[in-house]
C-alpha atoms as a PDB file:
ATOM      1  CA  GLY A   1     -31.510  -1.405  -2.282  1.00  0.00           C
ATOM      2  CA  VAL A   2     -30.005  -4.409  -4.051  1.00  0.00           C
ATOM      3  CA  GLY A   3     -30.046  -4.622  -7.685  1.00  0.00           C
ATOM      4  CA  ALA A   4     -31.865  -7.590  -9.401  1.00  0.00           C
ATOM      5  CA  ALA A   5     -28.688  -8.309 -11.480  1.00  0.00           C
ATOM      6  CA  ASP A   6     -26.690  -9.002  -8.070  1.00  0.00           C
ATOM      7  CA  PRO A   7     -28.069 -12.460  -6.825  1.00  0.00           C
ATOM      8  CA  ILE A   8     -25.267 -12.631  -4.150  1.00  0.00           C
ATOM      9  CA  GLY A   9     -26.586  -8.926  -2.830  1.00  0.00           C
ATOM     10  CA  VAL A  10     -30.182 -10.367  -2.834  1.00  0.00           C
ATOM     11  CA  VAL A  11     -29.098 -13.391  -0.809  1.00  0.00           C
ATOM     12  CA  GLN A  12     -27.010 -11.072   1.607  1.00  0.00           C
ATOM     13  CA  GLU A  13     -30.038  -8.864   1.982  1.00  0.00           C
ATOM     14  CA  GLU A  14     -32.085 -11.961   3.078  1.00  0.00           C
ATOM     15  CA  VAL A  15     -29.358 -12.909   5.485  1.00  0.00           C
ATOM     16  CA  ARG A  16     -29.611  -9.661   7.033  1.00  0.00           C
ATOM     17  CA  ARG A  17     -33.431 -10.069   7.654  1.00  0.00           C
ATOM     18  CA  ARG A  18     -32.976 -13.344   9.425  1.00  0.00           C
ATOM     19  CA  SER A  19     -31.631 -13.953  12.627  1.00  0.00           C
ATOM     20  CA  ARG A  20     -28.589 -16.084  13.770  1.00  0.00           C
ATOM     21  CA  GLY A  21     -26.887 -15.648  10.362  1.00  0.00           C
ATOM     22  CA  HIS A  22     -28.421 -19.008   8.767  1.00  0.00           C
ATOM     23  CA  LEU A  23     -30.436 -19.183   5.385  1.00  0.00           C
ATOM     24  CA  PRO A  24     -32.587 -21.972   3.997  1.00  0.00           C
ATOM     25  CA  VAL A  25     -31.698 -23.075   0.553  1.00  0.00           C
ATOM     26  CA  TYR A  26     -33.514 -25.719  -1.574  1.00  0.00           C
ATOM     27  CA  VAL A  27     -31.247 -28.163  -3.506  1.00  0.00           C
ATOM     28  CA  GLY A  28     -31.774 -30.034  -6.718  1.00  0.00           C
ATOM     29  CA  GLU A  29     -34.802 -31.113  -8.626  1.00  0.00           C
ATOM     30  CA  GLU A  30     -36.102 -32.629  -5.354  1.00  0.00           C
ATOM     31  CA  MET A  31     -35.768 -29.216  -3.477  1.00  0.00           C
ATOM     32  CA  GLU A  32     -34.102 -30.792  -0.348  1.00  0.00           C
ATOM     33  CA  ARG A  33     -34.013 -28.094   2.370  1.00  0.00           C
ATOM     34  CA  PHE A  34     -30.587 -27.280   3.695  1.00  0.00           C
ATOM     35  CA  VAL A  35     -29.909 -24.475   6.353  1.00  0.00           C
ATOM     36  CA  VAL A  36     -26.351 -22.866   5.472  1.00  0.00           C
ATOM     37  CA  SER A  37     -24.321 -20.419   7.568  1.00  0.00           C
ATOM     38  CA  ALA A  38     -24.339 -16.943   5.955  1.00  0.00           C
ATOM     39  CA  GLU A  39     -20.551 -17.118   6.137  1.00  0.00           C
ATOM     40  CA  LEU A  40     -20.493 -19.974   3.558  1.00  0.00           C
ATOM     41  CA  LEU A  41     -22.026 -17.789   0.961  1.00  0.00           C
ATOM     42  CA  ASN A  42     -18.946 -15.745   0.307  1.00  0.00           C
ATOM     43  CA  HIS A  43     -17.044 -19.030  -0.700  1.00  0.00           C
ATOM     44  CA  PRO A  44     -16.227 -19.285  -4.271  1.00  0.00           C
ATOM     45  CA  ILE A  45     -17.964 -22.558  -4.644  1.00  0.00           C
ATOM     46  CA  PHE A  46     -21.160 -20.856  -3.277  1.00  0.00           C
ATOM     47  CA  VAL A  47     -20.725 -17.876  -5.548  1.00  0.00           C
ATOM     48  CA  LYS A  48     -20.590 -20.239  -8.409  1.00  0.00           C
ATOM     49  CA  LEU A  49     -23.817 -22.039  -7.211  1.00  0.00           C
ATOM     50  CA  LEU A  50     -25.524 -18.838  -6.842  1.00  0.00           C
ATOM     51  CA  ASN A  51     -24.466 -17.305 -10.088  1.00  0.00           C
ATOM     52  CA  LYS A  52     -25.706 -20.691 -11.674  1.00  0.00           C
ATOM     53  CA  SER A  53     -28.873 -20.521  -9.706  1.00  0.00           C
ATOM     54  CA  ALA A  54     -29.673 -16.728 -10.877  1.00  0.00           C
ATOM     55  CA  GLN A  55     -28.955 -18.081 -14.579  1.00  0.00           C
ATOM     56  CA  GLU A  56     -31.232 -21.017 -14.190  1.00  0.00           C
ATOM     57  CA  TYR A  57     -34.146 -19.708 -12.281  1.00  0.00           C
ATOM     58  CA  GLY A  58     -33.706 -15.850 -12.755  1.00  0.00           C
ATOM     59  CA  TYR A  59     -32.224 -13.022 -10.725  1.00  0.00           C
ATOM     60  CA  GLU A  60     -35.433 -12.272  -8.942  1.00  0.00           C
ATOM     61  CA  GLN A  61     -36.375 -15.704  -7.077  1.00  0.00           C
ATOM     62  CA  LYS A  62     -39.386 -15.289  -4.908  1.00  0.00           C
ATOM     63  CA  GLY A  63     -39.875 -17.052  -1.532  1.00  0.00           C
ATOM     64  CA  VAL A  64     -37.073 -19.528  -1.760  1.00  0.00           C
ATOM     65  CA  LEU A  65     -33.373 -19.758  -2.896  1.00  0.00           C
ATOM     66  CA  ARG A  66     -32.969 -22.838  -5.287  1.00  0.00           C
ATOM     67  CA  ILE A  67     -29.589 -24.218  -5.678  1.00  0.00           C
ATOM     68  CA  PRO A  68     -29.219 -26.124  -9.204  1.00  0.00           C
ATOM     69  CA  CYS A  69     -26.993 -28.795  -7.881  1.00  0.00           C
ATOM     70  CA  HIS A  70     -27.341 -32.659  -7.001  1.00  0.00           C
ATOM     71  CA  VAL A  71     -28.079 -33.061  -3.466  1.00  0.00           C
ATOM     72  CA  PHE A  72     -25.268 -35.428  -2.979  1.00  0.00           C
ATOM     73  CA  LEU A  73     -22.649 -33.122  -4.544  1.00  0.00           C
ATOM     74  CA  PHE A  74     -24.115 -30.207  -2.096  1.00  0.00           C
ATOM     75  CA  GLU A  75     -23.690 -32.429   0.877  1.00  0.00           C
ATOM     76  CA  ARG A  76     -20.031 -33.165  -0.118  1.00  0.00           C
ATOM     77  CA  VAL A  77     -19.404 -29.337  -0.407  1.00  0.00           C
ATOM     78  CA  LEU A  78     -20.879 -28.691   2.905  1.00  0.00           C
ATOM     79  CA  GLU A  79     -18.953 -31.633   4.591  1.00  0.00           C
ATOM     80  CA  THR A  80     -15.778 -30.501   2.988  1.00  0.00           C
ATOM     81  CA  LEU A  81     -16.248 -27.025   4.440  1.00  0.00           C
ATOM     82  CA  ARG A  82     -17.396 -28.263   7.703  1.00  0.00           C
ATOM     83  CA  ILE A  83     -14.104 -30.291   8.180  1.00  0.00           C
ATOM     84  CA  GLY A  84     -11.837 -27.378   6.978  1.00  0.00           C
ATOM     85  CA  GLY A  85     -11.251 -29.466   3.879  1.00  0.00           C
ATOM     86  CA  GLU A  86      -8.050 -28.730   1.781  1.00  0.00           C
ATOM     87  CA  ALA A  87      -7.845 -26.499  -1.220  1.00  0.00           C
ATOM     88  CA  ARG A  88      -7.500 -29.731  -3.350  1.00  0.00           C
ATOM     89  CA  ASP A  89     -10.493 -31.305  -1.958  1.00  0.00           C
ATOM     90  CA  LEU A  90     -12.467 -28.018  -2.807  1.00  0.00           C
ATOM     91  CA  GLN A  91     -10.926 -28.033  -6.197  1.00  0.00           C
ATOM     92  CA  GLU A  92     -12.078 -31.457  -6.942  1.00  0.00           C
ATOM     93  CA  ILE A  93     -15.614 -30.770  -5.863  1.00  0.00           C
ATOM     94  CA  LEU A  94     -15.477 -27.511  -8.028  1.00  0.00           C
ATOM     95  CA  ASN A  95     -14.538 -29.523 -11.117  1.00  0.00           C
ATOM     96  CA  SER A  96     -17.296 -31.920 -10.318  1.00  0.00           C
ATOM     97  CA  LEU A  97     -19.598 -28.848 -10.161  1.00  0.00           C
ATOM     98  CA  CYS A  98     -18.312 -27.539 -13.330  1.00  0.00           C
ATOM     99  CA  ASP A  99     -18.748 -30.735 -15.190  1.00  0.00           C
ATOM    100  CA  GLU A 100     -22.482 -30.710 -13.962  1.00  0.00           C
ATOM    101  CA  LEU A 101     -23.077 -27.090 -14.618  1.00  0.00           C
END
């Protein structure tokens, strides 16, 4: 089993149970639903978001995975990753996340 103190392991376990390697996440206070590739979960930005999620909502979230991030920032992260953004672009987003988090 996966330990409760390992939010990334919990998410990876959920991904293994789902087909096609995609996972729904709910972002921001408005709980907007996004479906993200499981491959993205190992990216440093997602690791940071998952750790923040565990701190804010607890390590044993039931039902849905919530990401404590403004929707527009999350969309920016996804778009930058989708187009293969440069490291400096990701660093800028990461700095924005740090300011927010």
